[in-house]
C-alpha atoms as a PDB file:
ATOM      1  CA  MET A   1       0.006   0.014  -0.025  1.00  0.00           C
ATOM      2  CA  GLY A   2       1.127   3.597  -0.610  1.00  0.00           C
ATOM      3  CA  GLU A   3       1.622   6.090   2.058  1.00  0.00           C
ATOM      4  CA  THR A   4      -1.797   7.738   1.514  1.00  0.00           C
ATOM      5  CA  THR A   5      -3.698   4.462   1.281  1.00  0.00           C
ATOM      6  CA  LEU A   6      -6.222   4.089   4.094  1.00  0.00           C
ATOM      7  CA  ARG A   7      -7.326   0.456   4.475  1.00  0.00           C
ATOM      8  CA  VAL A   8     -10.724  -0.076   6.015  1.00  0.00           C
ATOM      9  CA  ALA A   9     -11.757  -3.575   7.115  1.00  0.00           C
ATOM     10  CA  LEU A  10     -15.367  -4.548   6.638  1.00  0.00           C
ATOM     11  CA  ALA A  11     -16.242  -7.031   9.348  1.00  0.00           C
ATOM     12  CA  GLN A  12     -18.892  -9.043   7.410  1.00  0.00           C
ATOM     13  CA  PHE A  13     -19.721 -11.474  10.331  1.00  0.00           C
ATOM     14  CA  ASP A  14     -22.667 -12.632  12.248  1.00  0.00           C
ATOM     15  CA  VAL A  15     -23.002 -11.856  15.921  1.00  0.00           C
ATOM     16  CA  GLY A  16     -20.640 -14.025  18.034  1.00  0.00           C
ATOM     17  CA  ALA A  17     -17.464 -13.387  16.176  1.00  0.00           C
ATOM     18  CA  ASP A  18     -14.594 -12.827  18.535  1.00  0.00           C
ATOM     19  CA  ILE A  19     -13.832  -9.054  18.535  1.00  0.00           C
ATOM     20  CA  ASP A  20     -10.215  -9.537  19.376  1.00  0.00           C
ATOM     21  CA  ASP A  21      -9.652 -11.963  16.598  1.00  0.00           C
ATOM     22  CA  VAL A  22     -11.312  -9.720  14.061  1.00  0.00           C
ATOM     23  CA  LEU A  23      -9.330  -6.630  15.112  1.00  0.00           C
ATOM     24  CA  ARG A  24      -6.031  -8.663  15.177  1.00  0.00           C
ATOM     25  CA  ALA A  25      -6.668 -10.029  11.809  1.00  0.00           C
ATOM     26  CA  ALA A  26      -7.557  -6.589  10.349  1.00  0.00           C
ATOM     27  CA  ARG A  27      -4.425  -5.064  11.848  1.00  0.00           C
ATOM     28  CA  GLU A  28      -2.273  -7.899  10.484  1.00  0.00           C
ATOM     29  CA  GLU A  29      -3.703  -7.097   7.030  1.00  0.00           C
ATOM     30  CA  GLY A  30      -2.702  -3.443   7.428  1.00  0.00           C
ATOM     31  CA  ALA A  31      -6.174  -1.924   8.101  1.00  0.00           C
ATOM     32  CA  SER A  32      -6.442   1.309  10.072  1.00  0.00           C
ATOM     33  CA  ILE A  33     -10.240   1.029  10.782  1.00  0.00           C
ATOM     34  CA  VAL A  34     -12.636  -1.923  11.257  1.00  0.00           C
ATOM     35  CA  VAL A  35     -16.459  -1.417  10.662  1.00  0.00           C
ATOM     36  CA  PHE A  36     -19.020  -3.826  12.110  1.00  0.00           C
ATOM     37  CA  PRO A  37     -22.523  -4.338  10.732  1.00  0.00           C
ATOM     38  CA  GLU A  38     -25.559  -2.358  12.036  1.00  0.00           C
ATOM     39  CA  MET A  39     -26.692  -2.959  15.729  1.00  0.00           C
ATOM     40  CA  TYR A  40     -24.138  -5.743  16.286  1.00  0.00           C
ATOM     41  CA  SER A  41     -24.989  -6.051  19.951  1.00  0.00           C
ATOM     42  CA  ASN A  42     -28.040  -8.057  19.089  1.00  0.00           C
ATOM     43  CA  GLY A  43     -27.561  -8.843  15.455  1.00  0.00           C
ATOM     44  CA  TYR A  44     -30.364  -6.430  14.452  1.00  0.00           C
ATOM     45  CA  GLY A  45     -32.723  -9.092  15.975  1.00  0.00           C
ATOM     46  CA  ARG A  46     -36.457  -8.965  15.535  1.00  0.00           C
ATOM     47  CA  PHE A  47     -38.888  -9.533  18.291  1.00  0.00           C
ATOM     48  CA  SER A  48     -42.468 -10.724  18.794  1.00  0.00           C
ATOM     49  CA  ALA A  49     -45.106  -8.554  20.668  1.00  0.00           C
ATOM     50  CA  ASP A  50     -44.471 -10.411  23.876  1.00  0.00           C
ATOM     51  CA  GLU A  51     -40.696 -10.031  23.531  1.00  0.00           C
ATOM     52  CA  ARG A  52     -40.571  -6.227  22.899  1.00  0.00           C
ATOM     53  CA  GLU A  53     -39.989  -5.173  26.402  1.00  0.00           C
ATOM     54  CA  ASP A  54     -37.199  -7.634  26.933  1.00  0.00           C
ATOM     55  CA  TRP A  55     -35.650  -6.464  23.721  1.00  0.00           C
ATOM     56  CA  ILE A  56     -35.598  -2.831  24.947  1.00  0.00           C
ATOM     57  CA  ALA A  57     -34.316  -3.818  28.383  1.00  0.00           C
ATOM     58  CA  ALA A  58     -31.339  -5.523  26.880  1.00  0.00           C
ATOM     59  CA  ALA A  59     -30.067  -2.170  25.379  1.00  0.00           C
ATOM     60  CA  ALA A  60     -26.521  -1.343  26.390  1.00  0.00           C
ATOM     61  CA  PRO A  61     -25.353   1.999  27.909  1.00  0.00           C
ATOM     62  CA  LEU A  62     -22.742   4.065  26.129  1.00  0.00           C
ATOM     63  CA  GLY A  63     -20.314   3.526  29.069  1.00  0.00           C
ATOM     64  CA  GLY A  64     -21.057  -0.119  29.633  1.00  0.00           C
ATOM     65  CA  ASP A  65     -19.222  -3.431  29.230  1.00  0.00           C
ATOM     66  CA  TYR A  66     -20.337  -3.937  25.664  1.00  0.00           C
ATOM     67  CA  ILE A  67     -18.610  -0.808  24.302  1.00  0.00           C
ATOM     68  CA  GLU A  68     -15.651  -1.381  26.798  1.00  0.00           C
ATOM     69  CA  ARG A  69     -14.791  -4.603  24.993  1.00  0.00           C
ATOM     70  CA  PHE A  70     -14.383  -2.704  21.636  1.00  0.00           C
ATOM     71  CA  ARG A  71     -12.404   0.077  23.398  1.00  0.00           C
ATOM     72  CA  ALA A  72     -10.003  -2.414  24.966  1.00  0.00           C
ATOM     73  CA  ALA A  73      -9.563  -4.281  21.789  1.00  0.00           C
ATOM     74  CA  ALA A  74      -8.835  -1.120  19.867  1.00  0.00           C
ATOM     75  CA  ARG A  75      -6.069  -0.200  22.357  1.00  0.00           C
ATOM     76  CA  LEU A  76      -4.614  -3.642  22.315  1.00  0.00           C
ATOM     77  CA  HIS A  77      -4.497  -3.943  18.530  1.00  0.00           C
ATOM     78  CA  ASP A  78      -3.704  -0.294  17.782  1.00  0.00           C
ATOM     79  CA  ILE A  79      -6.637   0.060  15.381  1.00  0.00           C
ATOM     80  CA  ALA A  80      -9.756   2.184  15.097  1.00  0.00           C
ATOM     81  CA  VAL A  81     -13.118   0.488  15.204  1.00  0.00           C
ATOM     82  CA  VAL A  82     -16.834   1.348  14.454  1.00  0.00           C
ATOM     83  CA  ALA A  83     -18.773  -0.547  17.079  1.00  0.00           C
ATOM     84  CA  THR A  84     -22.585  -0.698  16.743  1.00  0.00           C
ATOM     85  CA  PHE A  85     -25.270  -1.434  19.280  1.00  0.00           C
ATOM     86  CA  LEU A  86     -28.735  -0.853  20.694  1.00  0.00           C
ATOM     87  CA  GLU A  87     -28.037   2.152  23.024  1.00  0.00           C
ATOM     88  CA  ARG A  88     -30.042   2.484  26.171  1.00  0.00           C
ATOM     89  CA  GLY A  89     -32.101   5.742  26.093  1.00  0.00           C
ATOM     90  CA  GLU A  90     -35.306   7.285  27.499  1.00  0.00           C
ATOM     91  CA  PRO A  91     -37.945   6.984  26.594  1.00  0.00           C
ATOM     92  CA  LYS A  92     -36.738   4.756  23.762  1.00  0.00           C
ATOM     93  CA  PRO A  93     -33.357   3.176  22.853  1.00  0.00           C
ATOM     94  CA  PHE A  94     -31.309   4.227  19.901  1.00  0.00           C
ATOM     95  CA  ASN A  95     -29.746   2.430  16.921  1.00  0.00           C
ATOM     96  CA  THR A  96     -26.124   3.657  17.536  1.00  0.00           C
ATOM     97  CA  ALA A  97     -22.580   3.601  16.072  1.00  0.00           C
ATOM     98  CA  VAL A  98     -19.478   4.752  17.816  1.00  0.00           C
ATOM     99  CA  LEU A  99     -16.101   5.515  16.228  1.00  0.00           C
ATOM    100  CA  ILE A 100     -13.378   4.407  18.646  1.00  0.00           C
ATOM    101  CA  ASP A 101      -9.797   5.534  17.810  1.00  0.00           C
ATOM    102  CA  ARG A 102      -6.661   3.435  18.221  1.00  0.00           C
ATOM    103  CA  ARG A 103      -6.169   4.663  21.675  1.00  0.00           C
ATOM    104  CA  GLY A 104      -9.507   3.383  22.758  1.00  0.00           C
ATOM    105  CA  ASP A 105     -11.343   6.779  22.960  1.00  0.00           C
ATOM    106  CA  ILE A 106     -14.754   7.308  21.599  1.00  0.00           C
ATOM    107  CA  VAL A 107     -14.360  10.148  19.115  1.00  0.00           C
ATOM    108  CA  LEU A 108     -17.664  10.001  17.367  1.00  0.00           C
ATOM    109  CA  HIS A 109     -21.187   9.003  18.638  1.00  0.00           C
ATOM    110  CA  GLN A 110     -23.792   8.708  15.861  1.00  0.00           C
ATOM    111  CA  ARG A 111     -27.435   7.687  16.248  1.00  0.00           C
ATOM    112  CA  LYS A 112     -29.413   6.538  13.231  1.00  0.00           C
ATOM    113  CA  ARG A 113     -31.507   9.394  12.047  1.00  0.00           C
ATOM    114  CA  HIS A 114     -33.879   7.594   9.587  1.00  0.00           C
ATOM    115  CA  ILE A 115     -35.048   4.610  11.562  1.00  0.00           C
ATOM    116  CA  CYS A 116     -37.532   1.951  10.116  1.00  0.00           C
ATOM    117  CA  PHE A 117     -40.308   3.236  12.396  1.00  0.00           C
ATOM    118  CA  PHE A 118     -42.740   1.262  10.284  1.00  0.00           C
ATOM    119  CA  ASP A 119     -41.364  -2.180  11.161  1.00  0.00           C
ATOM    120  CA  VAL A 120     -39.727  -4.368  13.880  1.00  0.00           C
ATOM    121  CA  PRO A 121     -37.308  -3.922  15.420  1.00  0.00           C
ATOM    122  CA  GLU A 122     -36.844  -0.199  14.889  1.00  0.00           C
ATOM    123  CA  GLU A 123     -40.471   0.761  15.803  1.00  0.00           C
ATOM    124  CA  ALA A 124     -39.105   0.415  19.333  1.00  0.00           C
ATOM    125  CA  CYS A 125     -36.290   3.082  18.782  1.00  0.00           C
ATOM    126  CA  ALA A 126     -35.957   6.719  18.765  1.00  0.00           C
ATOM    127  CA  ALA A 127     -34.298   8.660  15.920  1.00  0.00           C
ATOM    128  CA  GLY A 128     -31.015  10.647  16.101  1.00  0.00           C
ATOM    129  CA  VAL A 129     -31.126  14.259  15.044  1.00  0.00           C
ATOM    130  CA  SER A 130     -27.685  15.219  13.685  1.00  0.00           C
ATOM    131  CA  SER A 131     -24.480  14.044  12.079  1.00  0.00           C
ATOM    132  CA  GLU A 132     -20.954  15.139  12.695  1.00  0.00           C
ATOM    133  CA  VAL A 133     -17.494  14.507  11.132  1.00  0.00           C
ATOM    134  CA  VAL A 134     -14.317  13.933  13.085  1.00  0.00           C
ATOM    135  CA  ARG A 135     -10.731  14.155  11.967  1.00  0.00           C
ATOM    136  CA  LEU A 136      -9.476  10.604  12.912  1.00  0.00           C
ATOM    137  CA  GLU A 137      -5.724  10.184  13.538  1.00  0.00           C
ATOM    138  CA  THR A 138      -4.425   7.474  11.381  1.00  0.00           C
ATOM    139  CA  GLU A 139      -0.926   6.293  10.159  1.00  0.00           C
ATOM    140  CA  GLN A 140      -1.827   8.338   6.997  1.00  0.00           C
ATOM    141  CA  GLY A 141      -2.376  11.472   9.092  1.00  0.00           C
ATOM    142  CA  PRO A 142      -5.769  12.908  10.039  1.00  0.00           C
ATOM    143  CA  VAL A 143      -8.694  11.819   7.893  1.00  0.00           C
ATOM    144  CA  ALA A 144     -12.195  13.369   7.978  1.00  0.00           C
ATOM    145  CA  VAL A 145     -14.567  10.591   8.782  1.00  0.00           C
ATOM    146  CA  GLY A 146     -18.330  10.515   9.229  1.00  0.00           C
ATOM    147  CA  ILE A 147     -20.888   7.730   9.889  1.00  0.00           C
ATOM    148  CA  MET A 148     -24.365   6.991   8.534  1.00  0.00           C
ATOM    149  CA  ILE A 149     -26.355   3.910   9.506  1.00  0.00           C
ATOM    150  CA  CYS A 150     -28.214   1.728   6.945  1.00  0.00           C
ATOM    151  CA  MET A 151     -31.299   3.601   5.807  1.00  0.00           C
ATOM    152  CA  ASP A 152     -29.582   6.927   6.457  1.00  0.00           C
ATOM    153  CA  ARG A 153     -28.066   6.337   2.992  1.00  0.00           C
ATOM    154  CA  GLU A 154     -31.330   6.942   1.292  1.00  0.00           C
ATOM    155  CA  PHE A 155     -31.993  10.493   2.586  1.00  0.00           C
ATOM    156  CA  PRO A 156     -30.229  13.626   1.376  1.00  0.00           C
ATOM    157  CA  ASP A 157     -30.115  15.467   4.781  1.00  0.00           C
ATOM    158  CA  VAL A 158     -27.628  12.949   6.349  1.00  0.00           C
ATOM    159  CA  VAL A 159     -25.164  13.088   3.552  1.00  0.00           C
ATOM    160  CA  THR A 160     -25.514  16.804   3.146  1.00  0.00           C
ATOM    161  CA  ASP A 161     -24.646  17.307   6.729  1.00  0.00           C
ATOM    162  CA  LEU A 162     -21.535  15.140   6.370  1.00  0.00           C
ATOM    163  CA  VAL A 163     -20.438  16.863   3.201  1.00  0.00           C
ATOM    164  CA  ARG A 164     -20.954  20.295   4.759  1.00  0.00           C
ATOM    165  CA  SER A 165     -18.717  19.146   7.579  1.00  0.00           C
ATOM    166  CA  GLY A 166     -15.904  18.084   5.181  1.00  0.00           C
ATOM    167  CA  ALA A 167     -16.315  14.227   5.161  1.00  0.00           C
ATOM    168  CA  GLU A 168     -13.683  12.438   3.143  1.00  0.00           C
ATOM    169  CA  ILE A 169     -14.680   8.935   4.225  1.00  0.00           C
ATOM    170  CA  ILE A 170     -18.212   7.844   5.153  1.00  0.00           C
ATOM    171  CA  LEU A 171     -18.458   4.662   7.147  1.00  0.00           C
ATOM    172  CA  VAL A 172     -21.823   2.837   6.908  1.00  0.00           C
ATOM    173  CA  PRO A 173     -22.856  -0.086   9.262  1.00  0.00           C
ATOM    174  CA  ASN A 174     -25.709  -1.786   7.451  1.00  0.00           C
ATOM    175  CA  SER A 175     -28.339  -4.537   7.627  1.00  0.00           C
ATOM    176  CA  CYS A 176     -30.348  -5.232   4.513  1.00  0.00           C
ATOM    177  CA  ARG A 177     -29.948  -7.062   1.143  1.00  0.00           C
ATOM    178  CA  LEU A 178     -27.615  -4.807  -0.941  1.00  0.00           C
ATOM    179  CA  VAL A 179     -27.373  -6.568  -4.208  1.00  0.00           C
ATOM    180  CA  GLU A 180     -29.885  -9.430  -4.356  1.00  0.00           C
ATOM    181  CA  ASP A 181     -33.119  -8.131  -3.073  1.00  0.00           C
ATOM    182  CA  ALA A 182     -36.265  -9.817  -4.253  1.00  0.00           C
ATOM    183  CA  GLU A 183     -38.124  -6.616  -4.795  1.00  0.00           C
ATOM    184  CA  VAL A 184     -35.600  -3.997  -5.827  1.00  0.00           C
ATOM    185  CA  GLY A 185     -32.525  -6.009  -7.072  1.00  0.00           C
ATOM    186  CA  ASP A 186     -29.364  -4.060  -6.684  1.00  0.00           C
ATOM    187  CA  VAL A 187     -30.880  -0.567  -6.538  1.00  0.00           C
ATOM    188  CA  ARG A 188     -29.261   0.033  -2.998  1.00  0.00           C
ATOM    189  CA  LEU A 189     -25.777  -0.686  -4.530  1.00  0.00           C
ATOM    190  CA  ALA A 190     -26.623   1.758  -7.250  1.00  0.00           C
ATOM    191  CA  GLY A 191     -27.617   4.336  -4.666  1.00  0.00           C
ATOM    192  CA  ILE A 192     -24.441   3.946  -2.742  1.00  0.00           C
ATOM    193  CA  ARG A 193     -22.381   4.473  -5.902  1.00  0.00           C
ATOM    194  CA  ALA A 194     -24.420   7.578  -6.788  1.00  0.00           C
ATOM    195  CA  MET A 195     -23.991   8.945  -3.281  1.00  0.00           C
ATOM    196  CA  ALA A 196     -20.258   8.590  -3.461  1.00  0.00           C
ATOM    197  CA  PHE A 197     -20.116  10.239  -6.843  1.00  0.00           C
ATOM    198  CA  GLN A 198     -22.397  13.130  -5.825  1.00  0.00           C
ATOM    199  CA  SER A 199     -20.458  13.764  -2.629  1.00  0.00           C
ATOM    200  CA  VAL A 200     -16.972  12.982  -4.043  1.00  0.00           C
ATOM    201  CA  ALA A 201     -16.213  10.900  -0.926  1.00  0.00           C
ATOM    202  CA  GLY A 202     -15.133   7.350  -0.144  1.00  0.00           C
ATOM    203  CA  VAL A 203     -17.974   5.159   1.114  1.00  0.00           C
ATOM    204  CA  ALA A 204     -17.489   1.846   3.002  1.00  0.00           C
ATOM    205  CA  VAL A 205     -20.523  -0.361   3.820  1.00  0.00           C
ATOM    206  CA  THR A 206     -20.438  -3.351   6.172  1.00  0.00           C
ATOM    207  CA  ASN A 207     -23.379  -5.789   5.858  1.00  0.00           C
ATOM    208  CA  TYR A 208     -24.297  -9.092   7.550  1.00  0.00           C
ATOM    209  CA  PRO A 209     -23.533 -12.281   5.606  1.00  0.00           C
ATOM    210  CA  GLU A 210     -26.079 -14.808   4.382  1.00  0.00           C
ATOM    211  CA  PRO A 211     -28.501 -16.055   5.619  1.00  0.00           C
ATOM    212  CA  LYS A 212     -29.343 -12.882   7.611  1.00  0.00           C
ATOM    213  CA  ASP A 213     -28.613 -10.511   4.721  1.00  0.00           C
ATOM    214  CA  ASP A 214     -26.875 -11.110   1.439  1.00  0.00           C
ATOM    215  CA  GLY A 215     -23.293  -9.968   2.345  1.00  0.00           C
ATOM    216  CA  HIS A 216     -21.772  -7.910  -0.391  1.00  0.00           C
ATOM    217  CA  SER A 217     -20.019  -5.473   1.999  1.00  0.00           C
ATOM    218  CA  LEU A 218     -18.465  -2.882  -0.442  1.00  0.00           C
ATOM    219  CA  ALA A 219     -16.430   0.251  -0.864  1.00  0.00           C
ATOM    220  CA  VAL A 220     -17.034   2.858  -3.434  1.00  0.00           C
ATOM    221  CA  GLY A 221     -14.598   5.683  -4.514  1.00  0.00           C
ATOM    222  CA  PRO A 222     -15.336   9.379  -5.146  1.00  0.00           C
ATOM    223  CA  SER A 223     -16.253   8.791  -8.801  1.00  0.00           C
ATOM    224  CA  GLY A 224     -18.706   6.138  -7.945  1.00  0.00           C
ATOM    225  CA  GLU A 225     -16.445   3.293  -8.892  1.00  0.00           C
ATOM    226  CA  VAL A 226     -16.755  -0.011  -6.853  1.00  0.00           C
ATOM    227  CA  VAL A 227     -13.369  -0.412  -5.043  1.00  0.00           C
ATOM    228  CA  VAL A 228     -14.280  -3.853  -3.577  1.00  0.00           C
ATOM    229  CA  LEU A 229     -17.352  -5.975  -3.285  1.00  0.00           C
ATOM    230  CA  GLY A 230     -17.483  -8.902  -0.840  1.00  0.00           C
ATOM    231  CA  GLY A 231     -19.226 -12.207  -1.362  1.00  0.00           C
ATOM    232  CA  ARG A 232     -22.202 -13.684   0.562  1.00  0.00           C
ATOM    233  CA  ALA A 233     -20.296 -15.671   3.228  1.00  0.00           C
ATOM    234  CA  PRO A 234     -18.685 -14.388   6.527  1.00  0.00           C
ATOM    235  CA  GLU A 235     -15.372 -12.626   5.674  1.00  0.00           C
ATOM    236  CA  LEU A 236     -13.137  -9.650   6.369  1.00  0.00           C
ATOM    237  CA  VAL A 237     -13.445  -7.473   3.292  1.00  0.00           C
ATOM    238  CA  MET A 238     -10.447  -5.100   2.720  1.00  0.00           C
ATOM    239  CA  ALA A 239     -11.216  -1.725   1.180  1.00  0.00           C
ATOM    240  CA  ASP A 240      -8.372   0.638   0.178  1.00  0.00           C
ATOM    241  CA  PHE A 241      -8.949   4.383  -0.296  1.00  0.00           C
ATOM    242  CA  ASP A 242      -6.304   6.750  -1.655  1.00  0.00           C
ATOM    243  CA  ILE A 243      -6.794   9.773   0.534  1.00  0.00           C
ATOM    244  CA  THR A 244      -4.595  12.042  -1.610  1.00  0.00           C
ATOM    245  CA  ALA A 245      -6.760  11.141  -4.729  1.00  0.00           C
ATOM    246  CA  ILE A 246      -9.964  11.827  -2.808  1.00  0.00           C
ATOM    247  CA  ARG A 247      -8.774  15.252  -1.700  1.00  0.00           C
ATOM    248  CA  ALA A 248      -7.679  16.064  -5.244  1.00  0.00           C
ATOM    249  CA  ALA A 249     -11.043  14.928  -6.554  1.00  0.00           C
ATOM    250  CA  GLN A 250     -12.840  17.045  -3.961  1.00  0.00           C
ATOM    251  CA  ALA A 251     -10.851  20.110  -5.018  1.00  0.00           C
ATOM    252  CA  ARG A 252     -11.412  19.404  -8.663  1.00  0.00           C
ATOM    253  CA  GLU A 253     -15.129  18.579  -8.292  1.00  0.00           C
ATOM    254  CA  TRP A 254     -15.943  21.187  -5.645  1.00  0.00           C
ATOM    255  CA  PHE A 255     -19.199  22.004  -7.279  1.00  0.00           C
ATOM    256  CA  ARG A 256     -20.651  18.592  -6.418  1.00  0.00           C
ATOM    257  CA  ARG A 257     -20.060  19.295  -2.708  1.00  0.00           C
ATOM    258  CA  VAL A 258     -21.999  22.634  -2.614  1.00  0.00           C
ATOM    259  CA  ARG A 259     -25.142  22.103  -0.609  1.00  0.00           C
END
């Protein structure tokens, strides 16, 4: 890899994968960031009517043991990680992702803004209200990173906020069929490519493998080109972004980022 290549590891695994093993493997492969799928604390698990309250009660606090496991692993393996979970909240929990830097510090706390309020399990959740960008310290220097969660991809306000805040890389924990959907085919893949092109940013999406979803975790460059596309099975998908090239494209294509 070149000096400006930021490698992002997409942890396309079901719940139960050993966090230390995943981060260790990603670091050995030269990754600077690992991204887990959406709501990894419970596998984006559904519930029946009589299970709803138990599902909510299992939500984890931001400062609790669940996130501390990721913080400890980030410190141990010297790698940043996007951890996802059902976050305890009042009166409702949140679908949340946090970016933890290589020192184990939480540097970005993002709640899903466009929840699936029309269906289980997110009818039990509250929506987030804003999006921020952080300059994450990496071996390639500081990189402007933002997060959106699954259906946030499909609404212009989220990406607009990230672009206005200078995002260079957008990390997307996900849980849905991306390429092989029975109703819409690969339209979500097309939407991710269009978003990257319109925003002149790198986009990395981590999805659950089959049978939960269809895998196909992917990364897209600032011209909408697919950098890498995973398969259907559990795997660690490596995505390489040329940060210098992204910055040059943003300077050249500045008009796409005017919101």
